[in-house]
Each structure stands twice: as structure tokens, then as C-alpha cells.
Amino acid sequence: MSKKTSLEKEIDWLRTVITLTTAAVFGIFAWVAHNYKTADQMEMVVAALLFFLFLISITMTNKKVYKNLKELEELED
């Protein structure tokens, strides 16, 4: 498999990871919005930690995608 094809496949995979992680962030947000009155403090802390962990994961994955796009662009030149 060529380097170009490999990068394209990795970019596609990372886009899928970003999509799934974004869905998880919205799921956590929806859970908090639905249960904020009845959830105990520990559940809210865990939800907040997961929320920020997923946001950091999205950011890091997005940086990796842009790095791969730049490398792919350099290969095409």
C-alpha cells in the first residue's frame, strides 16, 4: 500500500473516531441535562471528567488529522 493510500485510510479512520467521540460528548451532555436534579455529586464529577476527557481526545485527534493532511499534501506536490 502506498504512503498516500495509507494516509488517506488513516484520515478516514480518525474522522470516524472524531464522529464517535463527538456522539459520546453529546450523550454525556444529554445525560447531565436529563439527570442534573437526581444525580449525586460523584456521578456529576465523573460525567464532567469524561466530558473534558472526550473533548481533549477530539482535539488531539483533530490535530493528528491536520498533520496527516499536511503530509498528504506534501506527497502530492
PDB file of N, CA and C in Angstrom:
ATOM      1  N   MET A   1       0.854  -1.166   0.000  1.00  0.00           N
ATOM      2  CA  MET A   1       0.000   0.000   0.000  1.00  0.00           C
ATOM      3  C   MET A   1       0.906   1.238   0.000  1.00  0.00           C
ATOM      4  N   SER A   2       0.580   2.190  -0.830  1.00  0.00           N
ATOM      5  CA  SER A   2       1.410   3.391  -0.918  1.00  0.00           C
ATOM      6  C   SER A   2       1.201   4.278   0.304  1.00  0.00           C
ATOM      7  N   LYS A   3       2.146   5.162   0.502  1.00  0.00           N
ATOM      8  CA  LYS A   3       2.080   6.097   1.637  1.00  0.00           C
ATOM      9  C   LYS A   3       0.829   6.971   1.524  1.00  0.00           C
ATOM     10  N   LYS A   4       0.509   7.385   0.312  1.00  0.00           N
ATOM     11  CA  LYS A   4      -0.667   8.235   0.085  1.00  0.00           C
ATOM     12  C   LYS A   4      -1.943   7.503   0.486  1.00  0.00           C
ATOM     13  N   THR A   5      -2.089   6.267   0.040  1.00  0.00           N
ATOM     14  CA  THR A   5      -3.272   5.467   0.372  1.00  0.00           C
ATOM     15  C   THR A   5      -3.361   5.223   1.867  1.00  0.00           C
ATOM     16  N   SER A   6      -2.231   4.947   2.468  1.00  0.00           N
ATOM     17  CA  SER A   6      -2.187   4.713   3.895  1.00  0.00           C
ATOM     18  C   SER A   6      -2.640   5.952   4.677  1.00  0.00           C
ATOM     19  N   LEU A   7      -2.167   7.112   4.270  1.00  0.00           N
ATOM     20  CA  LEU A   7      -2.570   8.348   4.929  1.00  0.00           C
ATOM     21  C   LEU A   7      -4.062   8.621   4.742  1.00  0.00           C
ATOM     22  N   GLU A   8      -4.559   8.365   3.547  1.00  0.00           N
ATOM     23  CA  GLU A   8      -5.989   8.572   3.298  1.00  0.00           C
ATOM     24  C   GLU A   8      -6.842   7.669   4.175  1.00  0.00           C
ATOM     25  N   LYS A   9      -6.435   6.417   4.313  1.00  0.00           N
ATOM     26  CA  LYS A   9      -7.182   5.489   5.159  1.00  0.00           C
ATOM     27  C   LYS A   9      -7.105   5.894   6.633  1.00  0.00           C
ATOM     28  N   GLU A  10      -5.938   6.351   7.073  1.00  0.00           N
ATOM     29  CA  GLU A  10      -5.806   6.794   8.458  1.00  0.00           C
ATOM     30  C   GLU A  10      -6.665   8.029   8.721  1.00  0.00           C
ATOM     31  N   ILE A  11      -6.709   8.944   7.776  1.00  0.00           N
ATOM     32  CA  ILE A  11      -7.544  10.126   7.922  1.00  0.00           C
ATOM     33  C   ILE A  11      -9.021   9.727   8.021  1.00  0.00           C
ATOM     34  N   ASP A  12      -9.451   8.799   7.194  1.00  0.00           N
ATOM     35  CA  ASP A  12     -10.836   8.317   7.264  1.00  0.00           C
ATOM     36  C   ASP A  12     -11.132   7.693   8.624  1.00  0.00           C
ATOM     37  N   TRP A  13     -10.219   6.888   9.125  1.00  0.00           N
ATOM     38  CA  TRP A  13     -10.401   6.253  10.425  1.00  0.00           C
ATOM     39  C   TRP A  13     -10.466   7.308  11.538  1.00  0.00           C
ATOM     40  N   LEU A  14      -9.582   8.291  11.495  1.00  0.00           N
ATOM     41  CA  LEU A  14      -9.582   9.330  12.517  1.00  0.00           C
ATOM     42  C   LEU A  14     -10.850  10.173  12.464  1.00  0.00           C
ATOM     43  N   ARG A  15     -11.373  10.398  11.268  1.00  0.00           N
ATOM     44  CA  ARG A  15     -12.648  11.119  11.159  1.00  0.00           C
ATOM     45  C   ARG A  15     -13.769  10.318  11.815  1.00  0.00           C
ATOM     46  N   THR A  16     -13.736   9.008  11.674  1.00  0.00           N
ATOM     47  CA  THR A  16     -14.723   8.153  12.327  1.00  0.00           C
ATOM     48  C   THR A  16     -14.580   8.238  13.839  1.00  0.00           C
ATOM     49  N   VAL A  17     -13.352   8.233  14.320  1.00  0.00           N
ATOM     50  CA  VAL A  17     -13.108   8.351  15.765  1.00  0.00           C
ATOM     51  C   VAL A  17     -13.646   9.683  16.285  1.00  0.00           C
ATOM     52  N   ILE A  18     -13.404  10.754  15.548  1.00  0.00           N
ATOM     53  CA  ILE A  18     -13.911  12.067  15.961  1.00  0.00           C
ATOM     54  C   ILE A  18     -15.435  12.056  16.010  1.00  0.00           C
ATOM     55  N   THR A  19     -16.067  11.451  15.018  1.00  0.00           N
ATOM     56  CA  THR A  19     -17.527  11.381  14.986  1.00  0.00           C
ATOM     57  C   THR A  19     -18.082  10.615  16.182  1.00  0.00           C
ATOM     58  N   LEU A  20     -17.490   9.468  16.480  1.00  0.00           N
ATOM     59  CA  LEU A  20     -17.963   8.661  17.607  1.00  0.00           C
ATOM     60  C   LEU A  20     -17.716   9.356  18.945  1.00  0.00           C
ATOM     61  N   THR A  21     -16.582  10.013  19.070  1.00  0.00           N
ATOM     62  CA  THR A  21     -16.278  10.724  20.312  1.00  0.00           C
ATOM     63  C   THR A  21     -17.208  11.914  20.483  1.00  0.00           C
ATOM     64  N   THR A  22     -17.524  12.592  19.393  1.00  0.00           N
ATOM     65  CA  THR A  22     -18.475  13.703  19.466  1.00  0.00           C
ATOM     66  C   THR A  22     -19.850  13.200  19.895  1.00  0.00           C
ATOM     67  N   ALA A  23     -20.259  12.056  19.392  1.00  0.00           N
ATOM     68  CA  ALA A  23     -21.528  11.459  19.810  1.00  0.00           C
ATOM     69  C   ALA A  23     -21.514  11.149  21.309  1.00  0.00           C
ATOM     70  N   ALA A  24     -20.380  10.678  21.812  1.00  0.00           N
ATOM     71  CA  ALA A  24     -20.261  10.398  23.249  1.00  0.00           C
ATOM     72  C   ALA A  24     -20.366  11.690  24.066  1.00  0.00           C
ATOM     73  N   VAL A  25     -19.759  12.772  23.571  1.00  0.00           N
ATOM     74  CA  VAL A  25     -19.844  14.065  24.266  1.00  0.00           C
ATOM     75  C   VAL A  25     -21.296  14.520  24.336  1.00  0.00           C
ATOM     76  N   PHE A  26     -22.017  14.422  23.221  1.00  0.00           N
ATOM     77  CA  PHE A  26     -23.425  14.813  23.228  1.00  0.00           C
ATOM     78  C   PHE A  26     -24.252  13.900  24.130  1.00  0.00           C
ATOM     79  N   GLY A  27     -23.895  12.622  24.188  1.00  0.00           N
ATOM     80  CA  GLY A  27     -24.587  11.700  25.084  1.00  0.00           C
ATOM     81  C   GLY A  27     -24.390  12.070  26.540  1.00  0.00           C
ATOM     82  N   ILE A  28     -23.178  12.410  26.904  1.00  0.00           N
ATOM     83  CA  ILE A  28     -22.901  12.830  28.281  1.00  0.00           C
ATOM     84  C   ILE A  28     -23.657  14.117  28.587  1.00  0.00           C
ATOM     85  N   PHE A  29     -23.617  15.055  27.659  1.00  0.00           N
ATOM     86  CA  PHE A  29     -24.326  16.324  27.847  1.00  0.00           C
ATOM     87  C   PHE A  29     -25.828  16.085  28.034  1.00  0.00           C
ATOM     88  N   ALA A  30     -26.405  15.206  27.216  1.00  0.00           N
ATOM     89  CA  ALA A  30     -27.830  14.893  27.330  1.00  0.00           C
ATOM     90  C   ALA A  30     -28.137  14.212  28.663  1.00  0.00           C
ATOM     91  N   TRP A  31     -27.257  13.305  29.096  1.00  0.00           N
ATOM     92  CA  TRP A  31     -27.473  12.638  30.380  1.00  0.00           C
ATOM     93  C   TRP A  31     -27.458  13.645  31.519  1.00  0.00           C
ATOM     94  N   VAL A  32     -26.496  14.562  31.494  1.00  0.00           N
ATOM     95  CA  VAL A  32     -26.412  15.582  32.546  1.00  0.00           C
ATOM     96  C   VAL A  32     -27.655  16.465  32.515  1.00  0.00           C
ATOM     97  N   ALA A  33     -28.079  16.874  31.331  1.00  0.00           N
ATOM     98  CA  ALA A  33     -29.257  17.729  31.223  1.00  0.00           C
ATOM     99  C   ALA A  33     -30.509  17.022  31.743  1.00  0.00           C
ATOM    100  N   HIS A  34     -30.579  15.725  31.537  1.00  0.00           N
ATOM    101  CA  HIS A  34     -31.756  14.966  31.972  1.00  0.00           C
ATOM    102  C   HIS A  34     -31.707  14.617  33.456  1.00  0.00           C
ATOM    103  N   ASN A  35     -30.527  14.406  34.013  1.00  0.00           N
ATOM    104  CA  ASN A  35     -30.405  13.890  35.379  1.00  0.00           C
ATOM    105  C   ASN A  35     -29.761  14.852  36.377  1.00  0.00           C
ATOM    106  N   TYR A  36     -29.637  16.125  36.035  1.00  0.00           N
ATOM    107  CA  TYR A  36     -28.897  17.007  36.928  1.00  0.00           C
ATOM    108  C   TYR A  36     -29.565  17.191  38.290  1.00  0.00           C
ATOM    109  N   LYS A  37     -30.875  16.997  38.390  1.00  0.00           N
ATOM    110  CA  LYS A  37     -31.558  17.151  39.680  1.00  0.00           C
ATOM    111  C   LYS A  37     -31.458  15.895  40.536  1.00  0.00           C
ATOM    112  N   THR A  38     -31.398  14.728  39.909  1.00  0.00           N
ATOM    113  CA  THR A  38     -31.436  13.484  40.666  1.00  0.00           C
ATOM    114  C   THR A  38     -30.068  12.810  40.822  1.00  0.00           C
ATOM    115  N   ALA A  39     -29.096  13.187  40.015  1.00  0.00           N
ATOM    116  CA  ALA A  39     -27.779  12.545  40.077  1.00  0.00           C
ATOM    117  C   ALA A  39     -27.029  13.021  41.320  1.00  0.00           C
ATOM    118  N   ASP A  40     -26.280  12.098  41.923  1.00  0.00           N
ATOM    119  CA  ASP A  40     -25.484  12.519  43.078  1.00  0.00           C
ATOM    120  C   ASP A  40     -24.203  13.206  42.597  1.00  0.00           C
ATOM    121  N   GLN A  41     -23.487  13.751  43.543  1.00  0.00           N
ATOM    122  CA  GLN A  41     -22.314  14.564  43.213  1.00  0.00           C
ATOM    123  C   GLN A  41     -21.234  13.753  42.488  1.00  0.00           C
ATOM    124  N   MET A  42     -21.024  12.515  42.902  1.00  0.00           N
ATOM    125  CA  MET A  42     -19.989  11.690  42.279  1.00  0.00           C
ATOM    126  C   MET A  42     -20.304  11.416  40.806  1.00  0.00           C
ATOM    127  N   GLU A  43     -21.559  11.145  40.493  1.00  0.00           N
ATOM    128  CA  GLU A  43     -21.942  10.915  39.099  1.00  0.00           C
ATOM    129  C   GLU A  43     -21.692  12.155  38.255  1.00  0.00           C
ATOM    130  N   MET A  44     -21.971  13.321  38.811  1.00  0.00           N
ATOM    131  CA  MET A  44     -21.747  14.571  38.076  1.00  0.00           C
ATOM    132  C   MET A  44     -20.255  14.829  37.867  1.00  0.00           C
ATOM    133  N   VAL A  45     -19.445  14.502  38.870  1.00  0.00           N
ATOM    134  CA  VAL A  45     -17.995  14.673  38.730  1.00  0.00           C
ATOM    135  C   VAL A  45     -17.458  13.739  37.648  1.00  0.00           C
ATOM    136  N   VAL A  46     -17.893  12.493  37.650  1.00  0.00           N
ATOM    137  CA  VAL A  46     -17.459  11.536  36.631  1.00  0.00           C
ATOM    138  C   VAL A  46     -17.913  11.994  35.242  1.00  0.00           C
ATOM    139  N   ALA A  47     -19.139  12.475  35.143  1.00  0.00           N
ATOM    140  CA  ALA A  47     -19.641  12.963  33.858  1.00  0.00           C
ATOM    141  C   ALA A  47     -18.813  14.151  33.371  1.00  0.00           C
ATOM    142  N   ALA A  48     -18.475  15.069  34.273  1.00  0.00           N
ATOM    143  CA  ALA A  48     -17.665  16.227  33.889  1.00  0.00           C
ATOM    144  C   ALA A  48     -16.267  15.795  33.442  1.00  0.00           C
ATOM    145  N   LEU A  49     -15.670  14.849  34.178  1.00  0.00           N
ATOM    146  CA  LEU A  49     -14.339  14.361  33.802  1.00  0.00           C
ATOM    147  C   LEU A  49     -14.366  13.685  32.431  1.00  0.00           C
ATOM    148  N   LEU A  50     -15.364  12.849  32.201  1.00  0.00           N
ATOM    149  CA  LEU A  50     -15.484  12.183  30.901  1.00  0.00           C
ATOM    150  C   LEU A  50     -15.724  13.198  29.784  1.00  0.00           C
ATOM    151  N   PHE A  51     -16.545  14.198  30.071  1.00  0.00           N
ATOM    152  CA  PHE A  51     -16.827  15.246  29.095  1.00  0.00           C
ATOM    153  C   PHE A  51     -15.531  15.918  28.658  1.00  0.00           C
ATOM    154  N   PHE A  52     -14.715  16.340  29.618  1.00  0.00           N
ATOM    155  CA  PHE A  52     -13.466  17.011  29.280  1.00  0.00           C
ATOM    156  C   PHE A  52     -12.442  16.055  28.665  1.00  0.00           C
ATOM    157  N   LEU A  53     -12.427  14.825  29.119  1.00  0.00           N
ATOM    158  CA  LEU A  53     -11.533  13.824  28.525  1.00  0.00           C
ATOM    159  C   LEU A  53     -11.866  13.609  27.049  1.00  0.00           C
ATOM    160  N   PHE A  54     -13.146  13.498  26.739  1.00  0.00           N
ATOM    161  CA  PHE A  54     -13.549  13.325  25.349  1.00  0.00           C
ATOM    162  C   PHE A  54     -13.248  14.574  24.518  1.00  0.00           C
ATOM    163  N   LEU A  55     -13.427  15.752  25.097  1.00  0.00           N
ATOM    164  CA  LEU A  55     -13.095  16.975  24.363  1.00  0.00           C
ATOM    165  C   LEU A  55     -11.604  17.045  24.055  1.00  0.00           C
ATOM    166  N   ILE A  56     -10.778  16.666  25.012  1.00  0.00           N
ATOM    167  CA  ILE A  56      -9.334  16.629  24.779  1.00  0.00           C
ATOM    168  C   ILE A  56      -9.000  15.597  23.706  1.00  0.00           C
ATOM    169  N   SER A  57      -9.672  14.458  23.754  1.00  0.00           N
ATOM    170  CA  SER A  57      -9.457  13.418  22.753  1.00  0.00           C
ATOM    171  C   SER A  57      -9.815  13.912  21.354  1.00  0.00           C
ATOM    172  N   ILE A  58     -10.920  14.628  21.233  1.00  0.00           N
ATOM    173  CA  ILE A  58     -11.325  15.176  19.941  1.00  0.00           C
ATOM    174  C   ILE A  58     -10.267  16.150  19.432  1.00  0.00           C
ATOM    175  N   THR A  59      -9.780  17.008  20.317  1.00  0.00           N
ATOM    176  CA  THR A  59      -8.773  17.999  19.930  1.00  0.00           C
ATOM    177  C   THR A  59      -7.488  17.331  19.460  1.00  0.00           C
ATOM    178  N   MET A  60      -7.032  16.334  20.196  1.00  0.00           N
ATOM    179  CA  MET A  60      -5.799  15.638  19.825  1.00  0.00           C
ATOM    180  C   MET A  60      -5.958  14.889  18.506  1.00  0.00           C
ATOM    181  N   THR A  61      -7.096  14.253  18.311  1.00  0.00           N
ATOM    182  CA  THR A  61      -7.353  13.527  17.076  1.00  0.00           C
ATOM    183  C   THR A  61      -7.431  14.489  15.894  1.00  0.00           C
ATOM    184  N   ASN A  62      -8.059  15.635  16.119  1.00  0.00           N
ATOM    185  CA  ASN A  62      -8.157  16.644  15.067  1.00  0.00           C
ATOM    186  C   ASN A  62      -6.773  17.146  14.657  1.00  0.00           C
ATOM    187  N   LYS A  63      -5.884  17.339  15.627  1.00  0.00           N
ATOM    188  CA  LYS A  63      -4.516  17.750  15.311  1.00  0.00           C
ATOM    189  C   LYS A  63      -3.812  16.693  14.474  1.00  0.00           C
ATOM    190  N   LYS A  64      -4.042  15.427  14.797  1.00  0.00           N
ATOM    191  CA  LYS A  64      -3.440  14.330  14.039  1.00  0.00           C
ATOM    192  C   LYS A  64      -3.961  14.315  12.599  1.00  0.00           C
ATOM    193  N   VAL A  65      -5.252  14.585  12.428  1.00  0.00           N
ATOM    194  CA  VAL A  65      -5.834  14.638  11.081  1.00  0.00           C
ATOM    195  C   VAL A  65      -5.179  15.746  10.278  1.00  0.00           C
ATOM    196  N   TYR A  66      -5.034  16.939  10.876  1.00  0.00           N
ATOM    197  CA  TYR A  66      -4.416  18.044  10.145  1.00  0.00           C
ATOM    198  C   TYR A  66      -2.950  17.760   9.812  1.00  0.00           C
ATOM    199  N   LYS A  67      -2.254  17.070  10.711  1.00  0.00           N
ATOM    200  CA  LYS A  67      -0.875  16.689  10.437  1.00  0.00           C
ATOM    201  C   LYS A  67      -0.819  15.738   9.237  1.00  0.00           C
ATOM    202  N   ASN A  68      -1.711  14.769   9.224  1.00  0.00           N
ATOM    203  CA  ASN A  68      -1.754  13.816   8.109  1.00  0.00           C
ATOM    204  C   ASN A  68      -2.164  14.498   6.807  1.00  0.00           C
ATOM    205  N   LEU A  69      -3.081  15.451   6.881  1.00  0.00           N
ATOM    206  CA  LEU A  69      -3.479  16.176   5.675  1.00  0.00           C
ATOM    207  C   LEU A  69      -2.315  16.977   5.106  1.00  0.00           C
ATOM    208  N   LYS A  70      -1.551  17.600   6.006  1.00  0.00           N
ATOM    209  CA  LYS A  70      -0.389  18.360   5.546  1.00  0.00           C
ATOM    210  C   LYS A  70       0.636  17.426   4.897  1.00  0.00           C
ATOM    211  N   GLU A  71       0.863  16.267   5.515  1.00  0.00           N
ATOM    212  CA  GLU A  71       1.800  15.294   4.952  1.00  0.00           C
ATOM    213  C   GLU A  71       1.306  14.764   3.609  1.00  0.00           C
ATOM    214  N   LEU A  72       0.011  14.535   3.498  1.00  0.00           N
ATOM    215  CA  LEU A  72      -0.573  14.080   2.240  1.00  0.00           C
ATOM    216  C   LEU A  72      -0.417  15.145   1.156  1.00  0.00           C
ATOM    217  N   GLU A  73      -0.617  16.380   1.537  1.00  0.00           N
ATOM    218  CA  GLU A  73      -0.444  17.493   0.592  1.00  0.00           C
ATOM    219  C   GLU A  73       0.999  17.574   0.097  1.00  0.00           C
ATOM    220  N   GLU A  74       1.960  17.338   0.989  1.00  0.00           N
ATOM    221  CA  GLU A  74       3.353  17.360   0.597  1.00  0.00           C
ATOM    222  C   GLU A  74       3.700  16.209  -0.352  1.00  0.00           C
ATOM    223  N   LEU A  75       3.048  15.069  -0.157  1.00  0.00           N
ATOM    224  CA  LEU A  75       3.277  13.925  -1.039  1.00  0.00           C
ATOM    225  C   LEU A  75       2.756  14.192  -2.451  1.00  0.00           C
ATOM    226  N   GLU A  76       1.677  14.938  -2.541  1.00  0.00           N
ATOM    227  CA  GLU A  76       1.067  15.204  -3.840  1.00  0.00           C
ATOM    228  C   GLU A  76       1.834  16.243  -4.641  1.00  0.00           C
ATOM    229  N   ASP A  77       2.647  17.056  -3.971  1.00  0.00           N
ATOM    230  CA  ASP A  77       3.431  18.088  -4.681  1.00  0.00           C
ATOM    231  C   ASP A  77       4.585  17.514  -5.433  1.00  0.00           C
TER     232      ASP A  77
END
